[in-house]
Amino acid sequence: MTDQSITNTQQARPAPPELSSALYARAEQLVAAGDLDAACGLLLQLVEADCADWQPYNDLGVIALQRGDVETALYFLQQAVLREAGSHTAASNAAAALQMAGRQADAATLWGETLARHAPDAPPELLDFLAANLREKAVLPAFLAGLKHTWLGNKTASATPPHLLQRPLFLPLQGLGTLPSAGEVFPQETLPPVTAREFFTHSTPAAAPEFAAIHRYEPGNAIVRPFSDVVQTDTAILVPDFFDPEHHMLYDTFTGHVVPLPGQNMGVVRPCSPQQYLPRGVVLNSYAVSNWAHFLTEVLPLVAIVEHCGLPEDIPLVLSEGILPQMLQLLSMIKTARRPIVLIRAPVRIGKATLFTPVSTVVYDYMDALGNRQPRFTAQDTLFSSFALRLTAAALRTGHEHRNGPGTKVFIDRESSIRRIRNKAAVLRLFRERGFRVVVPESLSAAEQLALFSQASIIAGQAGAGMANMMFAPAGCKVITLAPATAFGAYGYFRNMAASLGHELYSFGFAPLPGAYHSPAHPDFDVDIDLLDHELSKLS
């Protein structure tokens, strides 16, 4: 095989004969039975017939890779990539083979082409590759070359969608705080002291004593994408002031829309032609709306601020289509009745967009964590504007004031494939014996969750999105979190949220256990029942 990058932007060629489904099915049975030699014989018959389907070539490449024959694997996987359409399996396997061959730059080029063709349905292996290799000198230019090659398009290839023929944009990354302010909403505030007991040792620094002032900004002619962390103008890519492309990952990079260039303060932007135009709009469609906790602490407070500022009621709230029904219910509780909500599924252009300084600095060194490097946590990480959170909580709890009495004890049950409590049955039994009501919040409407947690005196559960329901609880509530104790855990998140709301936090960290999930931030764990029972006896 010649030493060249695998590429899926070759000239289109006449379709070879169709795949013999019966022959391929028999080959798959032989693979499953472990008879690889016989399977290869059938697959080679298909290949020699110049089969149009990519799968026989892919299977031969994977078998060769398993046997350590990287050059043969690359030959067959190259053929699979040329034939593959509507999938990224062969491209992912080919990139893995290139990495095994030590050809990181070639792998980067292929990943760039794959991302450009398959965004937003990009393979998770891409994120792992970027995290592990993006800082290598030759990798980033090769990755961008593959991305640009496919975005610019091969005009003779019929499979190239028309929208990929546009030239990508190179725009500077610009912090939101560099824009002219349209008004200060809240001045810089001194954050309340943390009231927390932590039953494990970790290196998360103490919270910073102050939160920066919150401003309103109104950039013109802004392009806004669904589930996007950035806003694009004619001259810049607007990002939060605390964003660091060397360590942080924009969701827009994973979907192939914006790729920051580390060390250059620039980004390459996938071109788009918005079909919808809004004269005004409050931009609330960041990736935070895909997660309950981030929605409660990063998006909903901005709606409370909109009403606090008295913005005209005809300016709509712009969010991404597909958010949870409970989120829409909470929005209706916070906003004025006449303010419209616009849910977008494609990029829109806004004549005058309304943006606010983030009300939290929830950053995570995703590039470092996936690259299995120690992430950085500083005193500025996972801070929350106490003013914004309490403004939101007060608006939500109107009509749900805490009644006199001991209050409800609630344990939040979490159903997830990550950060699982292996001895969950014993944990649930203990909390029930201690008088806790066990609930699954996502099974309740927003009104039902608000009614329940507004009367809570103790909220306990596994560290996860549901714990953000402490937002609904009266100040002084005791909050108990259970989590794996790892170097990648952002322990300050719930600690600082609880402090901003005036709660007391009791944080437990337990030894991580091996699990199927690939990220070191989310291992399974066992709870020390005796330790937990001893501490609960003091609280209850």
Protein backbone atom coordinates (compact mmCIF):
# COMPACT_ATOMS: atom_id res chain seq x y z
CA MET A 1 0.00 0.00 0.00
CA THR A 2 1.31 3.47 -0.84
CA ASP A 3 1.96 5.79 2.07
CA GLN A 4 -0.93 8.18 1.60
CA SER A 5 -3.72 9.48 3.81
CA ILE A 6 -6.98 7.61 3.63
CA THR A 7 -9.53 10.00 2.22
CA ASN A 8 -13.26 9.75 1.59
CA THR A 9 -13.38 12.61 -0.92
CA GLN A 10 -12.18 10.67 -4.00
CA GLN A 11 -13.82 10.92 -7.43
CA ALA A 12 -17.17 9.18 -7.73
CA ARG A 13 -16.98 5.94 -9.70
CA PRO A 14 -19.56 3.64 -11.34
CA ALA A 15 -21.27 1.39 -8.83
CA PRO A 16 -19.80 -2.15 -8.79
CA PRO A 17 -22.11 -5.21 -8.58
CA GLU A 18 -24.50 -5.42 -5.62
CA LEU A 19 -23.59 -7.20 -2.41
CA SER A 20 -24.66 -10.83 -2.22
CA SER A 21 -26.61 -10.71 1.04
CA ALA A 22 -26.61 -14.49 1.49
CA LEU A 23 -22.84 -14.76 1.05
CA TYR A 24 -22.17 -11.87 3.40
CA ALA A 25 -24.59 -13.25 6.01
CA ARG A 26 -22.72 -16.57 5.92
CA ALA A 27 -19.41 -14.74 6.37
CA GLU A 28 -20.80 -12.91 9.40
CA GLN A 29 -21.88 -16.23 10.93
CA LEU A 30 -18.36 -17.59 10.49
CA VAL A 31 -16.89 -14.48 12.13
CA ALA A 32 -19.25 -14.90 15.09
CA ALA A 33 -18.22 -18.56 15.35
CA GLY A 34 -14.54 -17.60 15.38
CA ASP A 35 -13.69 -19.21 12.01
CA LEU A 36 -11.92 -16.16 10.62
CA ASP A 37 -10.06 -17.98 7.84
CA ALA A 38 -13.28 -19.31 6.32
CA ALA A 39 -14.95 -15.92 6.78
CA CYS A 40 -12.07 -14.20 4.99
CA GLY A 41 -12.46 -16.60 2.07
CA LEU A 42 -16.11 -15.59 1.56
CA LEU A 43 -15.37 -11.90 2.08
CA LEU A 44 -12.58 -12.04 -0.49
CA GLN A 45 -15.02 -13.52 -3.00
CA LEU A 46 -17.18 -10.44 -2.57
CA VAL A 47 -14.19 -8.12 -2.83
CA GLU A 48 -12.90 -9.82 -6.00
CA ALA A 49 -16.34 -9.24 -7.53
CA ASP A 50 -15.79 -5.51 -6.89
CA CYS A 51 -18.66 -5.40 -4.42
CA ALA A 52 -20.32 -1.99 -4.02
CA ASP A 53 -21.01 -2.39 -0.31
CA TRP A 54 -18.40 -1.19 2.17
CA GLN A 55 -18.96 -3.88 4.80
CA PRO A 56 -16.86 -6.78 3.36
CA TYR A 57 -13.88 -4.43 2.98
CA ASN A 58 -14.41 -3.13 6.50
CA ASP A 59 -14.63 -6.65 7.94
CA LEU A 60 -11.43 -7.74 6.17
CA GLY A 61 -9.70 -4.65 7.49
CA VAL A 62 -10.86 -5.27 11.06
CA ILE A 63 -9.77 -8.92 10.93
CA ALA A 64 -6.34 -7.88 9.62
CA LEU A 65 -6.09 -5.28 12.37
CA GLN A 66 -6.93 -7.89 15.00
CA ARG A 67 -4.14 -10.07 13.62
CA GLY A 68 -1.66 -7.19 13.78
CA ASP A 69 -1.33 -6.76 10.01
CA VAL A 70 -1.78 -2.99 9.93
CA GLU A 71 -0.78 -2.46 6.28
CA THR A 72 -3.32 -4.99 5.02
CA ALA A 73 -5.91 -3.49 7.35
CA LEU A 74 -5.26 -0.03 5.95
CA TYR A 75 -5.65 -1.26 2.37
CA PHE A 76 -9.08 -2.80 2.95
CA LEU A 77 -10.28 -0.01 5.24
CA GLN A 78 -9.33 2.56 2.61
CA GLN A 79 -11.61 0.75 0.16
CA ALA A 80 -14.37 0.62 2.79
CA VAL A 81 -14.13 4.36 3.43
CA LEU A 82 -14.46 5.10 -0.30
CA ARG A 83 -17.69 3.09 -0.45
CA GLU A 84 -19.19 4.04 2.92
CA ALA A 85 -22.15 6.45 2.92
CA GLY A 86 -24.46 7.41 5.76
CA SER A 87 -22.20 5.81 8.38
CA HIS A 88 -18.83 6.50 9.98
CA THR A 89 -17.90 2.96 11.08
CA ALA A 90 -15.26 2.33 8.40
CA ALA A 91 -13.80 5.80 8.87
CA SER A 92 -13.50 5.23 12.63
CA ASN A 93 -11.78 1.88 12.06
CA ALA A 94 -9.45 3.38 9.46
CA ALA A 95 -8.50 6.20 11.82
CA ALA A 96 -7.72 3.62 14.52
CA ALA A 97 -5.51 1.71 12.08
CA LEU A 98 -3.65 4.90 11.13
CA GLN A 99 -3.06 5.65 14.80
CA MET A 100 -1.72 2.11 15.34
CA ALA A 101 0.64 2.72 12.42
CA GLY A 102 1.88 5.90 14.12
CA ARG A 103 0.37 8.12 11.43
CA GLN A 104 -1.38 10.58 13.72
CA ALA A 105 -1.52 13.39 11.15
CA ASP A 106 -3.16 11.12 8.57
CA ALA A 107 -5.65 9.98 11.19
CA ALA A 108 -6.37 13.62 12.00
CA THR A 109 -7.08 14.41 8.34
CA LEU A 110 -9.49 11.49 8.12
CA TRP A 111 -11.20 12.56 11.36
CA GLY A 112 -11.60 16.07 9.97
CA GLU A 113 -13.26 14.73 6.83
CA THR A 114 -15.46 12.38 8.86
CA LEU A 115 -16.59 15.15 11.19
CA ALA A 116 -17.44 17.47 8.30
CA ARG A 117 -19.50 14.79 6.60
CA HIS A 118 -21.32 13.36 9.60
CA ALA A 119 -21.88 16.33 11.96
CA PRO A 120 -23.82 16.53 14.19
CA ASP A 121 -23.80 12.71 14.41
CA ALA A 122 -20.06 12.49 14.95
CA PRO A 123 -18.56 9.32 16.50
CA PRO A 124 -17.51 9.49 20.17
CA GLU A 125 -14.07 8.17 19.20
CA LEU A 126 -13.44 11.54 17.57
CA LEU A 127 -13.60 13.30 20.93
CA ASP A 128 -11.13 10.82 22.39
CA PHE A 129 -8.74 11.38 19.47
CA LEU A 130 -8.91 15.17 19.76
CA ALA A 131 -8.33 15.07 23.50
CA ALA A 132 -5.31 12.79 23.20
CA ASN A 133 -3.64 14.26 20.11
CA LEU A 134 -4.77 17.80 19.33
CA ARG A 135 -1.77 19.40 21.03
CA GLU A 136 0.69 17.47 18.85
CA LYS A 137 2.24 19.90 16.40
CA ALA A 138 1.26 18.11 13.16
CA VAL A 139 -2.21 17.00 14.21
CA LEU A 140 -4.19 20.23 14.31
CA PRO A 141 -3.24 21.43 10.79
CA ALA A 142 -4.01 17.96 9.39
CA PHE A 143 -7.37 17.84 11.19
CA LEU A 144 -8.33 21.27 9.85
CA ALA A 145 -7.12 20.32 6.37
CA GLY A 146 -9.48 17.36 6.33
CA LEU A 147 -12.30 19.49 7.70
CA LYS A 148 -11.77 22.25 5.13
CA HIS A 149 -11.26 19.78 2.28
CA THR A 150 -14.71 18.31 2.80
CA TRP A 151 -16.37 21.63 3.63
CA LEU A 152 -15.01 23.10 0.41
CA GLY A 153 -16.25 19.97 -1.29
CA ASN A 154 -15.25 17.89 -4.26
CA LYS A 155 -17.50 19.40 -6.89
CA THR A 156 -17.31 16.30 -9.07
CA ALA A 157 -18.50 13.96 -6.32
CA SER A 158 -22.24 13.58 -6.47
CA ALA A 159 -22.38 12.49 -2.82
CA THR A 160 -21.21 15.92 -1.62
CA PRO A 161 -24.23 17.85 -0.24
CA PRO A 162 -24.57 21.35 -1.77
CA HIS A 163 -24.26 23.10 1.60
CA LEU A 164 -20.75 21.67 2.01
CA LEU A 165 -19.51 23.54 -1.06
CA GLN A 166 -19.37 26.85 0.82
CA ARG A 167 -16.04 28.13 2.08
CA PRO A 168 -15.54 27.88 5.87
CA LEU A 169 -15.03 31.10 7.80
CA PHE A 170 -12.05 31.95 9.98
CA LEU A 171 -13.16 34.35 12.70
CA PRO A 172 -11.53 35.57 15.92
CA LEU A 173 -12.75 34.22 19.25
CA GLN A 174 -14.05 37.17 21.25
CA GLY A 175 -15.01 37.14 24.91
CA LEU A 176 -18.52 38.37 25.58
CA GLY A 177 -17.22 40.89 28.09
CA THR A 178 -15.33 42.77 25.39
CA LEU A 179 -18.60 43.97 23.81
CA PRO A 180 -20.11 47.33 24.75
CA SER A 181 -22.45 46.80 27.70
CA ALA A 182 -26.13 47.59 27.22
CA GLY A 183 -26.49 47.87 30.98
CA GLU A 184 -25.32 46.36 34.26
CA VAL A 185 -27.89 43.96 35.69
CA PHE A 186 -26.19 43.05 38.98
CA PRO A 187 -23.01 44.58 40.38
CA GLN A 188 -20.09 42.46 41.49
CA GLU A 189 -21.20 40.53 44.56
CA THR A 190 -19.50 38.95 47.54
CA LEU A 191 -20.48 35.29 47.63
CA PRO A 192 -21.82 33.76 50.86
CA PRO A 193 -19.46 31.54 52.85
CA VAL A 194 -19.51 27.81 52.13
CA THR A 195 -21.21 25.68 54.77
CA ALA A 196 -20.09 22.17 53.93
CA ARG A 197 -18.71 18.99 55.48
CA GLU A 198 -16.79 16.74 53.10
CA PHE A 199 -16.16 13.14 54.09
CA PHE A 200 -13.20 12.48 51.77
CA THR A 201 -9.95 14.10 50.69
CA HIS A 202 -9.69 15.94 47.39
CA SER A 203 -7.82 18.86 45.84
CA THR A 204 -10.68 21.12 44.80
CA PRO A 205 -9.78 24.68 45.89
CA ALA A 206 -12.03 26.83 48.03
CA ALA A 207 -14.46 29.03 46.14
CA ALA A 208 -13.52 32.56 45.15
CA PRO A 209 -15.06 35.20 47.42
CA GLU A 210 -16.64 37.28 44.63
CA PHE A 211 -18.75 36.87 41.49
CA ALA A 212 -18.27 39.32 38.64
CA ALA A 213 -20.91 41.85 37.66
CA ILE A 214 -23.58 40.64 35.22
CA HIS A 215 -24.13 42.73 32.09
CA ARG A 216 -26.52 42.71 29.16
CA TYR A 217 -25.18 42.82 25.58
CA GLU A 218 -27.01 43.36 22.29
CA PRO A 219 -24.91 42.33 19.26
CA GLY A 220 -26.49 42.86 15.86
CA ASN A 221 -26.95 40.46 12.95
CA ALA A 222 -26.19 37.40 15.11
CA ILE A 223 -26.34 33.79 13.95
CA VAL A 224 -27.58 31.42 16.63
CA ARG A 225 -27.49 27.61 16.36
CA PRO A 226 -29.43 25.01 18.39
CA PHE A 227 -27.62 23.68 21.48
CA SER A 228 -24.71 26.03 20.83
CA ASP A 229 -22.21 27.55 23.24
CA VAL A 230 -21.37 30.43 20.90
CA VAL A 231 -23.00 33.26 18.96
CA GLN A 232 -21.60 34.17 15.56
CA THR A 233 -21.55 37.75 14.29
CA ASP A 234 -20.19 39.19 11.04
CA THR A 235 -16.81 39.77 12.66
CA ALA A 236 -16.34 37.28 15.54
CA ILE A 237 -17.29 34.11 17.39
CA LEU A 238 -18.61 35.23 20.78
CA VAL A 239 -17.62 32.89 23.64
CA PRO A 240 -17.88 33.13 27.45
CA ASP A 241 -15.00 35.09 28.92
CA PHE A 242 -13.72 32.09 30.87
CA PHE A 243 -13.49 29.80 27.81
CA ASP A 244 -9.94 28.49 27.21
CA PRO A 245 -9.52 26.58 23.89
CA GLU A 246 -6.40 24.87 25.22
CA HIS A 247 -8.41 23.01 27.86
CA HIS A 248 -12.15 23.41 27.34
CA MET A 249 -14.34 21.75 24.72
CA LEU A 250 -17.16 23.64 23.01
CA TYR A 251 -20.15 21.49 22.17
CA ASP A 252 -19.97 23.18 18.75
CA THR A 253 -16.65 21.42 18.13
CA PHE A 254 -18.20 18.00 18.72
CA THR A 255 -20.99 18.81 16.25
CA GLY A 256 -18.52 20.12 13.70
CA HIS A 257 -19.78 23.72 13.62
CA VAL A 258 -16.95 25.63 15.31
CA VAL A 259 -13.38 24.40 15.84
CA PRO A 260 -11.22 26.74 17.97
CA LEU A 261 -7.56 26.94 17.03
CA PRO A 262 -5.47 26.58 20.21
CA GLY A 263 -2.89 29.30 20.61
CA GLN A 264 -4.30 31.42 17.78
CA ASN A 265 -7.46 32.92 19.34
CA MET A 266 -9.26 32.03 16.12
CA GLY A 267 -11.88 29.51 15.09
CA VAL A 268 -12.99 27.87 11.86
CA VAL A 269 -16.77 28.07 11.41
CA ARG A 270 -18.88 25.74 9.33
CA PRO A 271 -20.88 27.93 6.92
CA CYS A 272 -24.65 28.08 7.20
CA SER A 273 -27.47 30.07 5.63
CA PRO A 274 -30.16 30.69 8.27
CA GLN A 275 -33.65 30.44 6.78
CA GLN A 276 -35.39 32.06 9.76
CA TYR A 277 -35.02 35.70 10.83
CA LEU A 278 -36.02 37.24 14.15
CA PRO A 279 -35.80 41.03 14.66
CA ARG A 280 -35.17 40.55 18.42
CA GLY A 281 -34.50 37.58 20.67
CA VAL A 282 -33.04 36.61 24.06
CA VAL A 283 -30.46 33.86 23.35
CA LEU A 284 -30.91 30.96 25.78
CA ASN A 285 -30.10 28.00 23.57
CA SER A 286 -26.68 26.94 24.90
CA TYR A 287 -25.87 23.26 25.37
CA ALA A 288 -26.87 23.77 29.02
CA VAL A 289 -30.53 23.31 28.01
CA SER A 290 -29.83 19.61 27.40
CA ASN A 291 -29.17 18.93 31.10
CA TRP A 292 -31.59 19.53 33.98
CA ALA A 293 -29.01 20.88 36.45
CA HIS A 294 -27.38 23.22 33.96
CA PHE A 295 -30.78 24.42 32.80
CA LEU A 296 -31.80 25.27 36.38
CA THR A 297 -28.59 27.12 37.17
CA GLU A 298 -27.46 28.59 33.83
CA VAL A 299 -30.59 29.17 31.74
CA LEU A 300 -33.59 29.65 34.04
CA PRO A 301 -31.86 32.42 36.06
CA LEU A 302 -31.39 34.35 32.81
CA VAL A 303 -35.16 34.28 32.29
CA ALA A 304 -35.62 35.63 35.81
CA ILE A 305 -33.12 38.37 34.93
CA VAL A 306 -35.02 39.19 31.72
CA GLU A 307 -38.15 39.88 33.78
CA HIS A 308 -36.13 41.62 36.49
CA CYS A 309 -34.76 44.01 33.83
CA GLY A 310 -38.24 44.67 32.48
CA LEU A 311 -37.38 43.88 28.86
CA PRO A 312 -40.33 44.50 26.50
CA GLU A 313 -42.73 41.56 26.51
CA ASP A 314 -42.64 41.13 22.75
CA ILE A 315 -38.95 40.07 22.78
CA PRO A 316 -39.05 36.25 22.58
CA LEU A 317 -36.96 33.72 24.46
CA VAL A 318 -34.94 31.68 21.92
CA LEU A 319 -34.22 28.08 22.95
CA SER A 320 -33.44 24.80 21.23
CA GLU A 321 -36.24 22.50 20.16
CA GLY A 322 -36.40 19.21 22.04
CA ILE A 323 -35.97 20.43 25.62
CA LEU A 324 -37.84 18.60 28.38
CA PRO A 325 -41.53 19.36 29.00
CA GLN A 326 -40.67 20.14 32.64
CA MET A 327 -38.25 22.83 31.42
CA LEU A 328 -41.00 24.49 29.39
CA GLN A 329 -43.26 24.32 32.44
CA LEU A 330 -40.67 26.13 34.58
CA LEU A 331 -40.15 28.75 31.88
CA SER A 332 -43.88 29.47 31.95
CA MET A 333 -43.71 29.96 35.72
CA ILE A 334 -40.86 32.48 35.46
CA LYS A 335 -41.62 34.53 32.35
CA THR A 336 -44.48 36.96 31.87
CA ALA A 337 -47.49 35.34 30.24
CA ARG A 338 -47.26 37.38 27.03
CA ARG A 339 -43.57 36.78 26.30
CA PRO A 340 -43.26 34.27 23.42
CA ILE A 341 -40.90 31.29 23.32
CA VAL A 342 -39.24 30.41 19.99
CA LEU A 343 -37.85 26.86 19.75
CA ILE A 344 -35.28 26.46 16.97
CA ARG A 345 -34.16 23.32 15.19
CA ALA A 346 -31.84 25.07 12.68
CA PRO A 347 -29.66 28.20 12.70
CA VAL A 348 -31.53 31.53 12.88
CA ARG A 349 -30.40 35.10 12.31
CA ILE A 350 -31.37 37.67 14.95
CA GLY A 351 -31.33 41.37 14.05
CA LYS A 352 -30.58 42.41 17.65
CA ALA A 353 -29.75 39.57 20.02
CA THR A 354 -29.93 39.94 23.80
CA LEU A 355 -27.15 38.13 25.67
CA PHE A 356 -26.13 38.18 29.32
CA THR A 357 -22.91 37.52 31.17
CA PRO A 358 -23.08 33.87 32.34
CA VAL A 359 -24.61 33.56 35.80
CA SER A 360 -22.27 30.64 36.54
CA THR A 361 -18.73 29.72 35.58
CA VAL A 362 -19.24 26.01 35.07
CA VAL A 363 -16.13 24.97 33.17
CA TYR A 364 -14.59 21.54 32.84
CA ASP A 365 -11.27 20.57 31.29
CA TYR A 366 -12.89 18.06 28.97
CA MET A 367 -9.87 17.88 26.70
CA ASP A 368 -7.68 17.01 29.67
CA ALA A 369 -10.08 14.49 31.20
CA LEU A 370 -10.54 12.58 27.95
CA GLY A 371 -6.80 12.69 27.36
CA ASN A 372 -6.46 11.13 30.84
CA ARG A 373 -4.57 14.19 32.09
CA GLN A 374 -5.24 15.85 35.41
CA PRO A 375 -7.83 18.60 34.81
CA ARG A 376 -7.30 22.02 36.33
CA PHE A 377 -9.70 23.27 38.96
CA THR A 378 -9.35 26.81 40.20
CA ALA A 379 -11.18 28.98 42.69
CA GLN A 380 -13.07 30.52 39.74
CA ASP A 381 -14.57 27.21 38.58
CA THR A 382 -18.20 26.27 39.21
CA LEU A 383 -19.17 29.56 40.80
CA PHE A 384 -22.77 30.72 40.84
CA SER A 385 -24.22 34.18 41.14
CA SER A 386 -26.02 34.01 44.47
CA PHE A 387 -28.13 36.98 43.45
CA ALA A 388 -29.30 35.26 40.25
CA LEU A 389 -29.98 31.88 41.87
CA ARG A 390 -31.92 33.39 44.77
CA LEU A 391 -33.89 35.64 42.43
CA THR A 392 -34.90 32.53 40.46
CA ALA A 393 -35.68 30.47 43.56
CA ALA A 394 -37.87 33.22 45.00
CA ALA A 395 -39.84 33.53 41.75
CA LEU A 396 -40.39 29.76 41.60
CA ARG A 397 -41.38 29.36 45.24
CA THR A 398 -44.05 32.05 45.13
CA GLY A 399 -47.15 30.21 46.27
CA HIS A 400 -45.04 27.31 47.55
CA GLU A 401 -43.73 28.83 50.77
CA HIS A 402 -42.37 26.39 53.34
CA ARG A 403 -45.00 25.38 55.89
CA ASN A 404 -44.25 25.21 59.59
CA GLY A 405 -43.11 21.79 60.73
CA PRO A 406 -40.14 19.44 60.42
CA GLY A 407 -40.17 19.35 56.61
CA THR A 408 -39.88 16.47 54.18
CA LYS A 409 -36.80 14.27 53.78
CA VAL A 410 -36.26 13.37 50.12
CA PHE A 411 -33.87 10.90 48.50
CA ILE A 412 -33.38 11.35 44.75
CA ASP A 413 -33.14 8.03 42.92
CA ARG A 414 -31.01 8.20 39.79
CA GLU A 415 -31.32 5.89 36.77
CA SER A 416 -28.18 6.21 34.67
CA SER A 417 -25.45 4.21 32.98
CA ILE A 418 -22.71 6.32 34.59
CA ARG A 419 -21.65 6.93 38.20
CA ARG A 420 -23.84 4.03 39.32
CA ILE A 421 -24.08 3.04 42.98
CA ARG A 422 -23.34 -0.69 42.86
CA ASN A 423 -24.92 -1.36 46.27
CA LYS A 424 -27.90 0.85 45.48
CA ALA A 425 -30.45 -1.53 47.06
CA ALA A 426 -28.71 -1.22 50.44
CA VAL A 427 -28.53 2.57 50.08
CA LEU A 428 -32.24 2.87 49.29
CA ARG A 429 -33.10 0.60 52.21
CA LEU A 430 -31.05 2.74 54.60
CA PHE A 431 -32.67 6.01 53.52
CA ARG A 432 -36.17 4.53 53.70
CA GLU A 433 -35.43 3.29 57.22
CA ARG A 434 -34.36 6.85 58.07
CA GLY A 435 -37.72 8.22 56.94
CA PHE A 436 -36.77 9.53 53.49
CA ARG A 437 -39.20 9.56 50.61
CA VAL A 438 -37.50 8.05 47.52
CA VAL A 439 -38.43 9.81 44.27
CA VAL A 440 -37.42 9.78 40.61
CA PRO A 441 -37.74 13.49 39.72
CA GLU A 442 -38.04 13.01 35.95
CA SER A 443 -41.27 11.07 36.54
CA LEU A 444 -42.83 14.18 38.11
CA SER A 445 -44.08 17.35 36.46
CA ALA A 446 -42.30 20.61 37.23
CA ALA A 447 -45.18 21.67 39.50
CA GLU A 448 -45.02 18.36 41.41
CA GLN A 449 -41.25 18.67 41.87
CA LEU A 450 -41.62 22.24 43.06
CA ALA A 451 -44.36 21.33 45.53
CA LEU A 452 -42.27 18.45 46.94
CA PHE A 453 -38.85 20.09 47.23
CA SER A 454 -40.19 23.43 48.47
CA GLN A 455 -41.14 21.60 51.70
CA ALA A 456 -37.86 19.67 52.05
CA SER A 457 -35.62 19.94 55.09
CA ILE A 458 -33.09 17.33 53.82
CA ILE A 459 -32.35 16.39 50.20
CA ALA A 460 -30.06 13.44 49.53
CA GLY A 461 -28.95 11.55 46.45
CA GLN A 462 -26.23 10.55 44.09
CA ALA A 463 -24.39 13.54 42.63
CA GLY A 464 -26.21 14.23 39.38
CA ALA A 465 -28.65 16.53 37.64
CA GLY A 466 -31.51 15.83 40.05
CA MET A 467 -29.58 17.32 42.97
CA ALA A 468 -30.06 20.74 41.40
CA ASN A 469 -33.62 20.55 42.73
CA MET A 470 -32.13 22.09 45.85
CA MET A 471 -33.04 25.27 43.92
CA PHE A 472 -36.67 24.70 45.00
CA ALA A 473 -35.88 24.16 48.70
CA PRO A 474 -36.04 26.84 51.41
CA ALA A 475 -32.74 28.33 52.59
CA GLY A 476 -31.12 26.25 55.30
CA CYS A 477 -31.97 22.89 53.72
CA LYS A 478 -29.42 20.13 54.34
CA VAL A 479 -28.10 18.60 51.10
CA ILE A 480 -26.32 15.20 51.03
CA THR A 481 -24.42 14.13 47.89
CA LEU A 482 -22.94 10.68 47.20
CA ALA A 483 -20.26 10.46 44.50
CA PRO A 484 -17.13 8.59 43.37
CA ALA A 485 -13.95 10.16 44.73
CA THR A 486 -11.80 10.76 41.65
CA ALA A 487 -9.31 13.39 40.52
CA PHE A 488 -11.77 14.29 37.76
CA GLY A 489 -14.78 15.06 39.95
CA ALA A 490 -15.94 18.70 40.02
CA TYR A 491 -16.78 18.62 43.72
CA GLY A 492 -17.14 22.37 43.88
CA TYR A 493 -20.29 22.27 41.73
CA PHE A 494 -22.84 21.25 44.36
CA ARG A 495 -20.80 22.76 47.19
CA ASN A 496 -20.90 26.23 45.66
CA MET A 497 -24.48 25.91 44.44
CA ALA A 498 -25.59 25.02 47.96
CA ALA A 499 -23.67 27.98 49.38
CA SER A 500 -25.23 30.41 46.89
CA LEU A 501 -28.70 29.21 47.90
CA GLY A 502 -27.98 29.29 51.64
CA HIS A 503 -27.99 25.50 52.14
CA GLU A 504 -25.72 23.19 54.18
CA LEU A 505 -23.88 20.56 52.14
CA TYR A 506 -22.71 17.13 53.31
CA SER A 507 -20.54 15.59 50.59
CA PHE A 508 -19.48 11.92 50.57
CA GLY A 509 -16.86 10.51 48.18
CA PHE A 510 -16.28 6.77 47.80
CA ALA A 511 -13.62 4.71 46.05
CA PRO A 512 -14.30 4.34 42.31
CA LEU A 513 -14.89 0.91 40.78
CA PRO A 514 -14.07 -0.25 37.25
CA GLY A 515 -16.98 0.14 34.85
CA ALA A 516 -17.92 0.20 31.22
CA TYR A 517 -18.05 3.97 30.84
CA HIS A 518 -14.98 5.38 29.10
CA SER A 519 -14.60 8.68 30.98
CA PRO A 520 -12.56 8.73 34.21
CA ALA A 521 -14.98 11.37 35.49
CA HIS A 522 -17.89 8.92 35.79
CA PRO A 523 -16.90 5.60 37.44
CA ASP A 524 -19.25 3.38 39.44
CA PHE A 525 -18.80 3.16 43.20
CA ASP A 526 -19.98 1.43 46.40
CA VAL A 527 -21.32 3.45 49.34
CA ASP A 528 -19.91 2.79 52.81
CA ILE A 529 -23.22 2.02 54.49
CA ASP A 530 -21.85 2.13 58.06
CA LEU A 531 -20.26 5.56 57.58
CA LEU A 532 -23.37 6.94 55.92
CA ASP A 533 -25.69 5.51 58.59
CA HIS A 534 -23.53 7.02 61.34
CA GLU A 535 -23.66 10.49 59.80
CA LEU A 536 -27.38 10.26 59.00
CA SER A 537 -28.09 9.51 62.65
CA LYS A 538 -26.65 12.94 63.49
CA LEU A 539 -28.74 14.74 60.87
CA SER A 540 -32.04 12.96 61.32
